[in-house]
Each structure stands twice: as C-alpha cells, then as structure tokens.
C-alpha cells in the first residue's frame, strides 16, 4: 500500500470505468468466462475508486487483488464480510477461467454480478453520489 493524493475526480473516473465493465458483462452473447473477467475488472475499478477517494493505492505484487479488495471494503460503512466473500469467490473463479481454462457456472456469474453491483453502489455512497 502507498499513500496518494485524495482525488474524488479520479475516483469518479475509476467508478465510471467500473460501470462500463459491469454494463459489458451484462451482454448475453458473451461467454460466462468472459463475463466473469469483466465483472472482476469492474470490481478492481470500484476498489480503485474507493481507495483513490481516501488517498490510498495498492502497489503491484503477490495478492495485490485480495489486498485491494480487503482495503477498499474496510473503507465502507457497515458489515462487508459477506460482500468480501462473494467478491473474493468471483476473483477466484476469474483466475480459474483466465489461467486454468476452467468452467464457470452461469449461477456463479449471476452471484458475482450481484456482488459487483452492490460494491459499485456502496462506492457511490462513499463518493457522495
């Protein structure tokens, strides 16, 4: 982790990108594996929006995506344990689809979509939208 300048404008740009990934993931003609990757990208962007808004950034390295998720969720009000579990499971499925050519179930993509949408909504609240 490193401290950066708190920048709500840049945070909003990350959130806009997350919205685009989420919208693209809703495309029914894409494979579930592709949708899984897009949902994970939306989650990463939403986390980056949250972290940018509070003046933090995750540096590259082992477990950076997990650290990004944990640290971003720590910034949100309320209980985030269930949301973390859902998003972390989505991250693991994305890894399997991307690196192991594993099958991704349609139901798991639906769960990931729901969790990602919740994260984006909670990020909007943090940003005062």
N, C-alpha and C. Protein backbone atom coordinates (compact mmCIF):
# COMPACT_ATOMS: atom_id res chain seq x y z
N UNK A 1 0.84 -1.17 0.00
CA UNK A 1 0.00 0.00 0.00
C UNK A 1 0.89 1.24 0.00
N UNK A 2 0.38 2.28 -0.64
CA UNK A 2 1.06 3.56 -0.57
C UNK A 2 0.01 4.66 -0.48
N UNK A 3 0.40 5.74 0.12
CA UNK A 3 -0.48 6.90 0.23
C UNK A 3 -0.36 7.74 -1.04
N UNK A 4 -1.50 8.19 -1.54
CA UNK A 4 -1.55 9.07 -2.71
C UNK A 4 -2.48 10.23 -2.38
N UNK A 5 -2.55 11.15 -3.26
CA UNK A 5 -3.43 12.31 -3.09
C UNK A 5 -4.89 11.86 -3.18
N UNK A 6 -5.71 12.28 -2.22
CA UNK A 6 -7.15 12.01 -2.29
C UNK A 6 -7.71 12.78 -3.48
N UNK A 7 -8.32 12.06 -4.40
CA UNK A 7 -8.78 12.69 -5.64
C UNK A 7 -10.14 12.13 -6.01
N UNK A 8 -11.18 12.86 -5.70
CA UNK A 8 -12.55 12.43 -6.00
C UNK A 8 -12.84 12.42 -7.49
N UNK A 9 -12.21 13.29 -8.25
CA UNK A 9 -12.41 13.30 -9.70
C UNK A 9 -11.85 12.01 -10.30
N UNK A 10 -10.63 11.67 -9.92
CA UNK A 10 -10.02 10.42 -10.41
C UNK A 10 -10.81 9.21 -9.91
N UNK A 11 -11.28 9.27 -8.67
CA UNK A 11 -12.10 8.19 -8.13
C UNK A 11 -13.35 7.99 -8.99
N UNK A 12 -13.96 9.08 -9.40
CA UNK A 12 -15.16 9.01 -10.24
C UNK A 12 -14.82 8.38 -11.59
N UNK A 13 -13.63 8.66 -12.13
CA UNK A 13 -13.22 8.05 -13.40
C UNK A 13 -13.09 6.53 -13.25
N UNK A 14 -12.52 6.09 -12.13
CA UNK A 14 -12.45 4.65 -11.87
C UNK A 14 -13.85 4.05 -11.78
N UNK A 15 -14.75 4.75 -11.11
CA UNK A 15 -16.12 4.25 -10.96
C UNK A 15 -16.85 4.22 -12.30
N UNK A 16 -16.62 5.21 -13.14
CA UNK A 16 -17.21 5.20 -14.48
C UNK A 16 -16.73 4.00 -15.28
N UNK A 17 -15.42 3.70 -15.16
CA UNK A 17 -14.89 2.53 -15.86
C UNK A 17 -15.51 1.25 -15.31
N UNK A 18 -15.69 1.18 -14.00
CA UNK A 18 -16.33 0.02 -13.40
C UNK A 18 -17.74 -0.15 -13.94
N UNK A 19 -18.46 0.96 -14.08
CA UNK A 19 -19.81 0.90 -14.65
C UNK A 19 -19.81 0.35 -16.07
N UNK A 20 -18.80 0.76 -16.87
CA UNK A 20 -18.72 0.26 -18.24
C UNK A 20 -18.44 -1.24 -18.27
N UNK A 21 -17.53 -1.70 -17.42
CA UNK A 21 -17.25 -3.14 -17.35
C UNK A 21 -18.50 -3.91 -16.91
N UNK A 22 -19.23 -3.37 -15.94
CA UNK A 22 -20.44 -4.03 -15.48
C UNK A 22 -21.48 -4.10 -16.60
N UNK A 23 -21.64 -3.02 -17.31
CA UNK A 23 -22.58 -3.00 -18.44
C UNK A 23 -22.16 -4.00 -19.51
N UNK A 24 -20.88 -4.04 -19.83
CA UNK A 24 -20.39 -5.00 -20.82
C UNK A 24 -20.61 -6.44 -20.35
N UNK A 25 -20.47 -6.69 -19.06
CA UNK A 25 -20.65 -8.04 -18.52
C UNK A 25 -22.09 -8.50 -18.63
N UNK A 26 -23.01 -7.58 -18.81
CA UNK A 26 -24.42 -7.95 -18.96
C UNK A 26 -24.76 -8.42 -20.37
N UNK A 27 -23.80 -8.36 -21.28
CA UNK A 27 -24.03 -8.79 -22.66
C UNK A 27 -24.25 -10.30 -22.70
N UNK A 28 -25.45 -10.70 -23.06
CA UNK A 28 -25.83 -12.12 -23.03
C UNK A 28 -25.10 -12.96 -24.07
N UNK A 29 -24.53 -12.33 -25.08
CA UNK A 29 -23.85 -13.12 -26.12
C UNK A 29 -22.42 -13.48 -25.72
N UNK A 30 -21.91 -12.91 -24.66
CA UNK A 30 -20.57 -13.26 -24.20
C UNK A 30 -20.59 -14.58 -23.43
N UNK A 31 -19.48 -15.26 -23.44
CA UNK A 31 -19.36 -16.49 -22.65
C UNK A 31 -19.38 -16.13 -21.17
N UNK A 32 -19.72 -17.10 -20.34
CA UNK A 32 -19.72 -16.85 -18.90
C UNK A 32 -18.30 -16.56 -18.42
N UNK A 33 -17.32 -17.16 -19.06
CA UNK A 33 -15.94 -16.89 -18.68
C UNK A 33 -15.58 -15.42 -18.95
N UNK A 34 -15.96 -14.91 -20.11
CA UNK A 34 -15.69 -13.51 -20.43
C UNK A 34 -16.45 -12.58 -19.49
N UNK A 35 -17.67 -12.92 -19.20
CA UNK A 35 -18.46 -12.11 -18.27
C UNK A 35 -17.80 -12.11 -16.89
N UNK A 36 -17.26 -13.24 -16.49
CA UNK A 36 -16.57 -13.34 -15.20
C UNK A 36 -15.36 -12.41 -15.15
N UNK A 37 -14.61 -12.37 -16.23
CA UNK A 37 -13.44 -11.48 -16.30
C UNK A 37 -13.88 -10.02 -16.22
N UNK A 38 -14.91 -9.65 -16.95
CA UNK A 38 -15.40 -8.27 -16.93
C UNK A 38 -15.92 -7.88 -15.55
N UNK A 39 -16.60 -8.78 -14.88
CA UNK A 39 -17.08 -8.49 -13.53
C UNK A 39 -15.92 -8.28 -12.57
N UNK A 40 -14.89 -9.08 -12.71
CA UNK A 40 -13.71 -8.90 -11.87
C UNK A 40 -13.06 -7.54 -12.16
N UNK A 41 -12.97 -7.18 -13.43
CA UNK A 41 -12.41 -5.87 -13.78
C UNK A 41 -13.23 -4.73 -13.18
N UNK A 42 -14.54 -4.89 -13.18
CA UNK A 42 -15.41 -3.88 -12.57
C UNK A 42 -15.14 -3.77 -11.08
N UNK A 43 -14.95 -4.90 -10.43
CA UNK A 43 -14.64 -4.91 -9.00
C UNK A 43 -13.32 -4.20 -8.72
N UNK A 44 -12.30 -4.50 -9.51
CA UNK A 44 -10.99 -3.86 -9.33
C UNK A 44 -11.12 -2.35 -9.49
N UNK A 45 -11.84 -1.90 -10.50
CA UNK A 45 -12.01 -0.47 -10.73
C UNK A 45 -12.79 0.19 -9.59
N UNK A 46 -13.81 -0.48 -9.09
CA UNK A 46 -14.58 0.07 -7.97
C UNK A 46 -13.70 0.17 -6.73
N UNK A 47 -12.88 -0.83 -6.49
CA UNK A 47 -11.94 -0.77 -5.36
C UNK A 47 -10.96 0.38 -5.54
N UNK A 48 -10.45 0.54 -6.75
CA UNK A 48 -9.52 1.64 -7.01
C UNK A 48 -10.21 2.99 -6.80
N UNK A 49 -11.48 3.09 -7.13
CA UNK A 49 -12.23 4.33 -6.89
C UNK A 49 -12.31 4.63 -5.40
N UNK A 50 -12.64 3.62 -4.63
CA UNK A 50 -12.74 3.79 -3.18
C UNK A 50 -11.39 4.21 -2.60
N UNK A 51 -10.36 3.50 -3.00
CA UNK A 51 -9.03 3.79 -2.46
C UNK A 51 -8.53 5.18 -2.89
N UNK A 52 -8.78 5.56 -4.13
CA UNK A 52 -8.37 6.88 -4.60
C UNK A 52 -9.07 7.97 -3.79
N UNK A 53 -10.33 7.74 -3.48
CA UNK A 53 -11.10 8.73 -2.73
C UNK A 53 -10.56 8.95 -1.32
N UNK A 54 -9.91 7.93 -0.76
CA UNK A 54 -9.37 8.06 0.60
C UNK A 54 -7.85 8.23 0.61
N UNK A 55 -7.24 8.33 -0.57
CA UNK A 55 -5.82 8.60 -0.65
C UNK A 55 -4.92 7.40 -0.49
N UNK A 56 -5.34 6.26 -1.02
CA UNK A 56 -4.52 5.05 -0.95
C UNK A 56 -4.44 4.39 -2.32
N UNK A 57 -3.43 3.56 -2.47
CA UNK A 57 -3.26 2.80 -3.70
C UNK A 57 -2.53 1.51 -3.35
N UNK A 58 -2.95 0.43 -3.99
CA UNK A 58 -2.28 -0.85 -3.82
C UNK A 58 -1.21 -0.95 -4.88
N UNK A 59 0.00 -1.28 -4.46
CA UNK A 59 1.09 -1.45 -5.40
C UNK A 59 1.06 -2.87 -5.95
N UNK A 60 1.63 -3.09 -7.13
CA UNK A 60 1.63 -4.42 -7.71
C UNK A 60 2.38 -5.43 -6.84
N UNK A 61 1.96 -6.67 -6.94
CA UNK A 61 2.65 -7.73 -6.22
C UNK A 61 1.73 -8.88 -5.91
N UNK A 62 2.29 -9.89 -5.27
CA UNK A 62 1.50 -11.06 -4.88
C UNK A 62 0.35 -10.63 -4.00
N UNK A 63 -0.80 -11.19 -4.28
CA UNK A 63 -2.03 -10.95 -3.51
C UNK A 63 -2.52 -9.50 -3.59
N UNK A 64 -2.07 -8.75 -4.59
CA UNK A 64 -2.49 -7.35 -4.71
C UNK A 64 -4.00 -7.22 -4.88
N UNK A 65 -4.62 -8.13 -5.63
CA UNK A 65 -6.07 -8.03 -5.84
C UNK A 65 -6.82 -8.30 -4.55
N UNK A 66 -6.35 -9.24 -3.75
CA UNK A 66 -7.01 -9.52 -2.47
C UNK A 66 -6.80 -8.35 -1.52
N UNK A 67 -5.59 -7.82 -1.46
CA UNK A 67 -5.32 -6.67 -0.61
C UNK A 67 -6.16 -5.48 -1.03
N UNK A 68 -6.28 -5.26 -2.33
CA UNK A 68 -7.10 -4.16 -2.86
C UNK A 68 -8.54 -4.32 -2.39
N UNK A 69 -9.07 -5.51 -2.50
CA UNK A 69 -10.45 -5.77 -2.10
C UNK A 69 -10.63 -5.58 -0.59
N UNK A 70 -9.74 -6.17 0.19
CA UNK A 70 -9.83 -6.05 1.65
C UNK A 70 -9.75 -4.59 2.10
N UNK A 71 -8.78 -3.87 1.57
CA UNK A 71 -8.55 -2.49 1.98
C UNK A 71 -9.70 -1.59 1.55
N UNK A 72 -10.20 -1.78 0.35
CA UNK A 72 -11.33 -0.97 -0.12
C UNK A 72 -12.57 -1.23 0.72
N UNK A 73 -12.86 -2.47 0.99
CA UNK A 73 -14.06 -2.79 1.77
C UNK A 73 -13.94 -2.26 3.20
N UNK A 74 -12.74 -2.18 3.72
CA UNK A 74 -12.53 -1.61 5.06
C UNK A 74 -12.94 -0.14 5.12
N UNK A 75 -12.99 0.53 3.98
CA UNK A 75 -13.35 1.94 3.94
C UNK A 75 -14.86 2.17 3.95
N UNK A 76 -15.63 1.11 3.73
CA UNK A 76 -17.08 1.23 3.62
C UNK A 76 -17.75 1.07 4.98
N UNK A 77 -18.84 1.78 5.16
CA UNK A 77 -19.63 1.64 6.38
C UNK A 77 -20.38 0.32 6.38
N UNK A 78 -20.61 -0.19 7.55
CA UNK A 78 -21.40 -1.41 7.69
C UNK A 78 -20.58 -2.67 7.52
N UNK A 79 -21.26 -3.77 7.66
CA UNK A 79 -20.63 -5.09 7.55
C UNK A 79 -20.34 -5.40 6.09
N UNK A 80 -19.13 -5.81 5.82
CA UNK A 80 -18.74 -6.13 4.44
C UNK A 80 -18.22 -7.56 4.32
N UNK A 81 -18.36 -8.35 5.37
CA UNK A 81 -17.81 -9.71 5.35
C UNK A 81 -18.44 -10.57 4.25
N UNK A 82 -19.75 -10.56 4.14
CA UNK A 82 -20.42 -11.36 3.11
C UNK A 82 -20.09 -10.85 1.71
N UNK A 83 -20.01 -9.53 1.57
CA UNK A 83 -19.66 -8.95 0.28
C UNK A 83 -18.23 -9.37 -0.09
N UNK A 84 -17.31 -9.32 0.88
CA UNK A 84 -15.95 -9.75 0.61
C UNK A 84 -15.93 -11.20 0.13
N UNK A 85 -16.63 -12.06 0.83
CA UNK A 85 -16.64 -13.48 0.46
C UNK A 85 -17.16 -13.68 -0.95
N UNK A 86 -18.21 -12.97 -1.33
CA UNK A 86 -18.77 -13.09 -2.68
C UNK A 86 -17.80 -12.58 -3.74
N UNK A 87 -17.20 -11.44 -3.48
CA UNK A 87 -16.28 -10.86 -4.45
C UNK A 87 -14.97 -11.65 -4.53
N UNK A 88 -14.52 -12.18 -3.41
CA UNK A 88 -13.31 -12.99 -3.44
C UNK A 88 -13.55 -14.30 -4.19
N UNK A 89 -14.73 -14.88 -4.01
CA UNK A 89 -15.07 -16.10 -4.76
C UNK A 89 -15.12 -15.79 -6.26
N UNK A 90 -15.65 -14.62 -6.61
CA UNK A 90 -15.68 -14.19 -8.01
C UNK A 90 -14.26 -14.04 -8.54
N UNK A 91 -13.37 -13.48 -7.73
CA UNK A 91 -11.97 -13.31 -8.13
C UNK A 91 -11.34 -14.67 -8.39
N UNK A 92 -11.61 -15.63 -7.53
CA UNK A 92 -11.04 -16.97 -7.71
C UNK A 92 -11.57 -17.63 -8.97
N UNK A 93 -12.88 -17.46 -9.26
CA UNK A 93 -13.44 -18.04 -10.49
C UNK A 93 -12.81 -17.39 -11.72
N UNK A 94 -12.58 -16.09 -11.65
CA UNK A 94 -11.94 -15.38 -12.75
C UNK A 94 -10.54 -15.94 -12.97
N UNK A 95 -9.82 -16.18 -11.89
CA UNK A 95 -8.48 -16.77 -12.01
C UNK A 95 -8.55 -18.13 -12.69
N UNK A 96 -9.50 -18.95 -12.27
CA UNK A 96 -9.64 -20.28 -12.86
C UNK A 96 -9.98 -20.19 -14.35
N UNK A 97 -10.86 -19.26 -14.69
CA UNK A 97 -11.24 -19.11 -16.10
C UNK A 97 -10.07 -18.57 -16.92
N UNK A 98 -9.33 -17.64 -16.35
CA UNK A 98 -8.24 -16.99 -17.09
C UNK A 98 -6.98 -17.83 -17.18
N UNK A 99 -6.65 -18.52 -16.10
CA UNK A 99 -5.34 -19.19 -16.03
C UNK A 99 -5.41 -20.71 -16.11
N UNK A 100 -6.58 -21.27 -15.88
CA UNK A 100 -6.68 -22.74 -15.87
C UNK A 100 -7.71 -23.25 -16.87
N UNK A 101 -8.27 -22.35 -17.66
CA UNK A 101 -9.29 -22.72 -18.64
C UNK A 101 -10.41 -23.52 -17.99
N UNK A 102 -10.76 -23.16 -16.78
CA UNK A 102 -11.79 -23.88 -16.04
C UNK A 102 -13.19 -23.39 -16.42
N UNK A 103 -14.15 -24.25 -16.22
CA UNK A 103 -15.56 -23.96 -16.46
C UNK A 103 -16.06 -22.99 -15.39
N UNK A 104 -16.86 -22.02 -15.79
CA UNK A 104 -17.51 -21.10 -14.86
C UNK A 104 -19.01 -21.27 -15.00
N UNK A 105 -19.67 -21.56 -13.91
CA UNK A 105 -21.13 -21.78 -13.93
C UNK A 105 -21.88 -20.46 -14.10
N UNK A 106 -22.97 -20.51 -14.84
CA UNK A 106 -23.81 -19.34 -15.05
C UNK A 106 -24.28 -18.76 -13.72
N UNK A 107 -24.65 -19.62 -12.77
CA UNK A 107 -25.13 -19.15 -11.47
C UNK A 107 -24.06 -18.37 -10.72
N UNK A 108 -22.81 -18.79 -10.86
CA UNK A 108 -21.74 -18.07 -10.17
C UNK A 108 -21.52 -16.68 -10.78
N UNK A 109 -21.76 -16.55 -12.07
CA UNK A 109 -21.65 -15.24 -12.71
C UNK A 109 -22.78 -14.34 -12.23
N UNK A 110 -23.96 -14.90 -12.05
CA UNK A 110 -25.09 -14.12 -11.53
C UNK A 110 -24.78 -13.64 -10.11
N UNK A 111 -24.21 -14.50 -9.30
CA UNK A 111 -23.82 -14.11 -7.94
C UNK A 111 -22.76 -13.01 -7.97
N UNK A 112 -21.78 -13.17 -8.86
CA UNK A 112 -20.72 -12.18 -8.98
C UNK A 112 -21.28 -10.84 -9.46
N UNK A 113 -22.22 -10.88 -10.36
CA UNK A 113 -22.83 -9.65 -10.87
C UNK A 113 -23.55 -8.91 -9.74
N UNK A 114 -24.27 -9.65 -8.93
CA UNK A 114 -25.00 -9.05 -7.80
C UNK A 114 -24.02 -8.41 -6.81
N UNK A 115 -22.95 -9.12 -6.47
CA UNK A 115 -21.97 -8.60 -5.52
C UNK A 115 -21.25 -7.38 -6.10
N UNK A 116 -20.91 -7.43 -7.38
CA UNK A 116 -20.23 -6.31 -8.02
C UNK A 116 -21.12 -5.08 -8.04
N UNK A 117 -22.39 -5.26 -8.36
CA UNK A 117 -23.33 -4.13 -8.36
C UNK A 117 -23.46 -3.53 -6.96
N UNK A 118 -23.47 -4.37 -5.94
CA UNK A 118 -23.53 -3.87 -4.57
C UNK A 118 -22.28 -3.05 -4.24
N UNK A 119 -21.12 -3.54 -4.64
CA UNK A 119 -19.88 -2.81 -4.40
C UNK A 119 -19.93 -1.45 -5.08
N UNK A 120 -20.36 -1.40 -6.31
CA UNK A 120 -20.43 -0.13 -7.02
C UNK A 120 -21.39 0.84 -6.33
N UNK A 121 -22.51 0.33 -5.86
CA UNK A 121 -23.47 1.18 -5.17
C UNK A 121 -22.87 1.73 -3.87
N UNK A 122 -22.19 0.88 -3.15
CA UNK A 122 -21.57 1.33 -1.89
C UNK A 122 -20.43 2.31 -2.16
N UNK A 123 -19.73 2.14 -3.26
CA UNK A 123 -18.69 3.09 -3.64
C UNK A 123 -19.31 4.45 -3.95
N UNK A 124 -20.46 4.43 -4.62
CA UNK A 124 -21.16 5.69 -4.93
C UNK A 124 -21.54 6.42 -3.66
N UNK A 125 -22.00 5.67 -2.66
CA UNK A 125 -22.36 6.27 -1.38
C UNK A 125 -21.13 6.92 -0.75
N UNK A 126 -20.02 6.21 -0.75
CA UNK A 126 -18.78 6.76 -0.20
C UNK A 126 -18.38 8.06 -0.92
N UNK A 127 -18.57 8.08 -2.23
CA UNK A 127 -18.21 9.26 -3.01
C UNK A 127 -19.26 10.37 -2.94
N UNK A 128 -20.35 10.10 -2.22
CA UNK A 128 -21.37 11.12 -2.04
C UNK A 128 -22.30 11.28 -3.22
N UNK A 129 -22.47 10.22 -3.98
CA UNK A 129 -23.36 10.29 -5.16
C UNK A 129 -24.72 9.73 -4.85
